[in-house]
Amino acid sequence: MQDGTTIQISKKNRDELKKIGSMGDDYNTVIEKLIREYRNHEYRLKIDRIAEEAKKHFKEHREEYVSVDDL
């Protein structure tokens, strides 16, 4: 088991963490779940930004691309 620490948390946030956790989860498990979700969210935002940049590039340089039907 990892070394544990004590952190201060409001009762409101404690109650919200309890809602996120599943039966038998400890706070560490819930926090790990939140970290994973945050990383996934950041990854999806990055993908969305790249897609928007690509869409903008395509619109601005449409004449440089050839339709598959024209091949």
N, C-alpha and C. Protein backbone atom coordinates (compact mmCIF):
# COMPACT_ATOMS: atom_id res chain seq x y z
N MET A 1 0.84 -1.18 0.00
CA MET A 1 0.00 0.00 0.00
C MET A 1 0.88 1.25 0.00
N GLN A 2 0.43 2.29 -0.64
CA GLN A 2 1.17 3.54 -0.71
C GLN A 2 1.08 4.27 0.63
N ASP A 3 2.09 5.15 0.83
CA ASP A 3 2.04 5.99 2.02
C ASP A 3 0.84 6.91 1.92
N GLY A 4 0.15 7.10 3.01
CA GLY A 4 -1.03 7.94 3.03
C GLY A 4 -0.73 9.31 3.60
N THR A 5 -1.57 10.25 3.25
CA THR A 5 -1.47 11.59 3.81
C THR A 5 -2.86 12.02 4.25
N THR A 6 -2.90 13.08 5.00
CA THR A 6 -4.17 13.65 5.42
C THR A 6 -4.36 14.95 4.67
N ILE A 7 -5.53 15.13 4.08
CA ILE A 7 -5.83 16.38 3.39
C ILE A 7 -7.10 16.97 3.97
N GLN A 8 -7.18 18.28 3.92
CA GLN A 8 -8.37 18.98 4.37
C GLN A 8 -9.38 18.99 3.22
N ILE A 9 -10.62 18.74 3.53
CA ILE A 9 -11.67 18.76 2.52
C ILE A 9 -12.97 19.22 3.20
N SER A 10 -13.72 19.99 2.49
CA SER A 10 -14.99 20.47 3.07
C SER A 10 -15.99 19.32 3.11
N LYS A 11 -16.96 19.45 3.97
CA LYS A 11 -18.00 18.42 4.07
C LYS A 11 -18.78 18.31 2.76
N LYS A 12 -18.98 19.46 2.11
CA LYS A 12 -19.69 19.46 0.83
C LYS A 12 -18.93 18.63 -0.20
N ASN A 13 -17.61 18.87 -0.31
CA ASN A 13 -16.81 18.10 -1.27
C ASN A 13 -16.72 16.64 -0.88
N ARG A 14 -16.65 16.35 0.41
CA ARG A 14 -16.65 14.96 0.87
C ARG A 14 -17.92 14.25 0.42
N ASP A 15 -19.04 14.93 0.58
CA ASP A 15 -20.31 14.34 0.18
C ASP A 15 -20.38 14.13 -1.33
N GLU A 16 -19.81 15.08 -2.09
CA GLU A 16 -19.79 14.92 -3.55
C GLU A 16 -18.90 13.75 -3.96
N LEU A 17 -17.77 13.58 -3.29
CA LEU A 17 -16.89 12.45 -3.58
C LEU A 17 -17.59 11.12 -3.28
N LYS A 18 -18.38 11.10 -2.23
CA LYS A 18 -19.13 9.88 -1.91
C LYS A 18 -20.09 9.52 -3.03
N LYS A 19 -20.69 10.53 -3.67
CA LYS A 19 -21.62 10.28 -4.77
C LYS A 19 -20.91 9.70 -5.99
N ILE A 20 -19.66 10.12 -6.20
CA ILE A 20 -18.89 9.65 -7.36
C ILE A 20 -18.41 8.22 -7.16
N GLY A 21 -18.08 7.87 -5.92
CA GLY A 21 -17.53 6.55 -5.64
C GLY A 21 -18.58 5.45 -5.71
N SER A 22 -18.07 4.25 -5.85
CA SER A 22 -18.92 3.06 -5.82
C SER A 22 -18.81 2.43 -4.44
N MET A 23 -19.71 1.50 -4.14
CA MET A 23 -19.70 0.82 -2.86
C MET A 23 -18.32 0.20 -2.63
N GLY A 24 -17.73 0.50 -1.50
CA GLY A 24 -16.43 -0.07 -1.15
C GLY A 24 -15.24 0.77 -1.59
N ASP A 25 -15.46 1.80 -2.41
CA ASP A 25 -14.36 2.66 -2.83
C ASP A 25 -13.89 3.51 -1.67
N ASP A 26 -12.58 3.68 -1.57
CA ASP A 26 -12.07 4.65 -0.61
C ASP A 26 -11.84 5.96 -1.36
N TYR A 27 -11.50 7.01 -0.62
CA TYR A 27 -11.33 8.31 -1.26
C TYR A 27 -10.21 8.30 -2.29
N ASN A 28 -9.15 7.54 -2.05
CA ASN A 28 -8.05 7.47 -3.00
C ASN A 28 -8.53 6.91 -4.35
N THR A 29 -9.36 5.89 -4.31
CA THR A 29 -9.90 5.31 -5.54
C THR A 29 -10.77 6.32 -6.28
N VAL A 30 -11.57 7.06 -5.53
CA VAL A 30 -12.43 8.07 -6.15
C VAL A 30 -11.58 9.17 -6.78
N ILE A 31 -10.54 9.60 -6.09
CA ILE A 31 -9.67 10.65 -6.63
C ILE A 31 -8.94 10.15 -7.87
N GLU A 32 -8.49 8.89 -7.87
CA GLU A 32 -7.85 8.32 -9.05
C GLU A 32 -8.83 8.31 -10.22
N LYS A 33 -10.08 7.97 -9.95
CA LYS A 33 -11.11 7.98 -10.99
C LYS A 33 -11.29 9.39 -11.56
N LEU A 34 -11.32 10.39 -10.70
CA LEU A 34 -11.45 11.78 -11.14
C LEU A 34 -10.25 12.22 -11.97
N ILE A 35 -9.06 11.80 -11.57
CA ILE A 35 -7.85 12.15 -12.32
C ILE A 35 -7.92 11.53 -13.72
N ARG A 36 -8.33 10.27 -13.82
CA ARG A 36 -8.46 9.62 -15.13
C ARG A 36 -9.47 10.35 -16.00
N GLU A 37 -10.62 10.70 -15.41
CA GLU A 37 -11.64 11.42 -16.17
C GLU A 37 -11.13 12.78 -16.64
N TYR A 38 -10.39 13.47 -15.79
CA TYR A 38 -9.83 14.76 -16.16
C TYR A 38 -8.86 14.60 -17.33
N ARG A 39 -7.98 13.60 -17.24
CA ARG A 39 -7.02 13.36 -18.34
C ARG A 39 -7.75 13.02 -19.63
N ASN A 40 -8.77 12.18 -19.54
CA ASN A 40 -9.56 11.85 -20.74
C ASN A 40 -10.23 13.09 -21.31
N HIS A 41 -10.77 13.92 -20.44
CA HIS A 41 -11.41 15.17 -20.87
C HIS A 41 -10.40 16.07 -21.58
N GLU A 42 -9.23 16.23 -21.02
CA GLU A 42 -8.18 17.05 -21.64
C GLU A 42 -7.77 16.48 -22.99
N TYR A 43 -7.67 15.15 -23.09
CA TYR A 43 -7.32 14.50 -24.35
C TYR A 43 -8.39 14.77 -25.41
N ARG A 44 -9.66 14.64 -25.02
CA ARG A 44 -10.75 14.90 -25.97
C ARG A 44 -10.75 16.35 -26.42
N LEU A 45 -10.47 17.28 -25.50
CA LEU A 45 -10.39 18.69 -25.88
C LEU A 45 -9.26 18.92 -26.88
N LYS A 46 -8.14 18.27 -26.66
CA LYS A 46 -7.00 18.39 -27.58
C LYS A 46 -7.38 17.87 -28.97
N ILE A 47 -8.03 16.73 -29.02
CA ILE A 47 -8.46 16.15 -30.29
C ILE A 47 -9.44 17.09 -30.98
N ASP A 48 -10.37 17.65 -30.22
CA ASP A 48 -11.34 18.59 -30.79
C ASP A 48 -10.66 19.83 -31.36
N ARG A 49 -9.64 20.35 -30.65
CA ARG A 49 -8.90 21.52 -31.15
C ARG A 49 -8.18 21.19 -32.45
N ILE A 50 -7.56 20.01 -32.51
CA ILE A 50 -6.86 19.59 -33.72
C ILE A 50 -7.84 19.46 -34.87
N ALA A 51 -9.00 18.87 -34.60
CA ALA A 51 -10.02 18.70 -35.64
C ALA A 51 -10.51 20.06 -36.15
N GLU A 52 -10.70 21.01 -35.25
CA GLU A 52 -11.13 22.35 -35.66
C GLU A 52 -10.07 23.04 -36.49
N GLU A 53 -8.81 22.89 -36.11
CA GLU A 53 -7.72 23.47 -36.90
C GLU A 53 -7.66 22.85 -38.29
N ALA A 54 -7.84 21.54 -38.35
CA ALA A 54 -7.82 20.86 -39.65
C ALA A 54 -8.99 21.32 -40.52
N LYS A 55 -10.16 21.46 -39.92
CA LYS A 55 -11.34 21.93 -40.64
C LYS A 55 -11.12 23.33 -41.19
N LYS A 56 -10.56 24.20 -40.35
CA LYS A 56 -10.26 25.57 -40.76
C LYS A 56 -9.24 25.58 -41.90
N HIS A 57 -8.21 24.76 -41.75
CA HIS A 57 -7.18 24.67 -42.80
C HIS A 57 -7.79 24.20 -44.12
N PHE A 58 -8.63 23.17 -44.04
CA PHE A 58 -9.25 22.65 -45.25
C PHE A 58 -10.10 23.72 -45.92
N LYS A 59 -10.88 24.47 -45.16
CA LYS A 59 -11.72 25.52 -45.73
C LYS A 59 -10.87 26.60 -46.40
N GLU A 60 -9.76 26.95 -45.77
CA GLU A 60 -8.90 28.01 -46.30
C GLU A 60 -8.09 27.55 -47.51
N HIS A 61 -7.86 26.26 -47.65
CA HIS A 61 -7.01 25.73 -48.72
C HIS A 61 -7.73 24.67 -49.54
N ARG A 62 -9.03 24.82 -49.66
CA ARG A 62 -9.85 23.84 -50.35
C ARG A 62 -9.33 23.54 -51.76
N GLU A 63 -8.86 24.56 -52.45
CA GLU A 63 -8.41 24.37 -53.84
C GLU A 63 -7.18 23.46 -53.93
N GLU A 64 -6.49 23.23 -52.85
CA GLU A 64 -5.31 22.38 -52.87
C GLU A 64 -5.65 20.89 -52.77
N TYR A 65 -6.91 20.59 -52.49
CA TYR A 65 -7.31 19.20 -52.30
C TYR A 65 -8.11 18.71 -53.50
N VAL A 66 -8.02 17.39 -53.74
CA VAL A 66 -8.72 16.77 -54.86
C VAL A 66 -9.77 15.83 -54.30
N SER A 67 -10.93 15.84 -54.89
CA SER A 67 -11.98 14.92 -54.48
C SER A 67 -11.61 13.49 -54.87
N VAL A 68 -11.98 12.54 -54.06
CA VAL A 68 -11.74 11.14 -54.38
C VAL A 68 -12.46 10.78 -55.68
N ASP A 69 -13.61 11.36 -55.92
CA ASP A 69 -14.36 11.08 -57.15
C ASP A 69 -13.60 11.51 -58.38
N ASP A 70 -12.71 12.50 -58.24
CA ASP A 70 -11.94 12.99 -59.38
C ASP A 70 -10.70 12.17 -59.68
N LEU A 71 -10.39 11.21 -58.86
CA LEU A 71 -9.18 10.40 -59.07
C LEU A 71 -9.40 9.32 -60.09
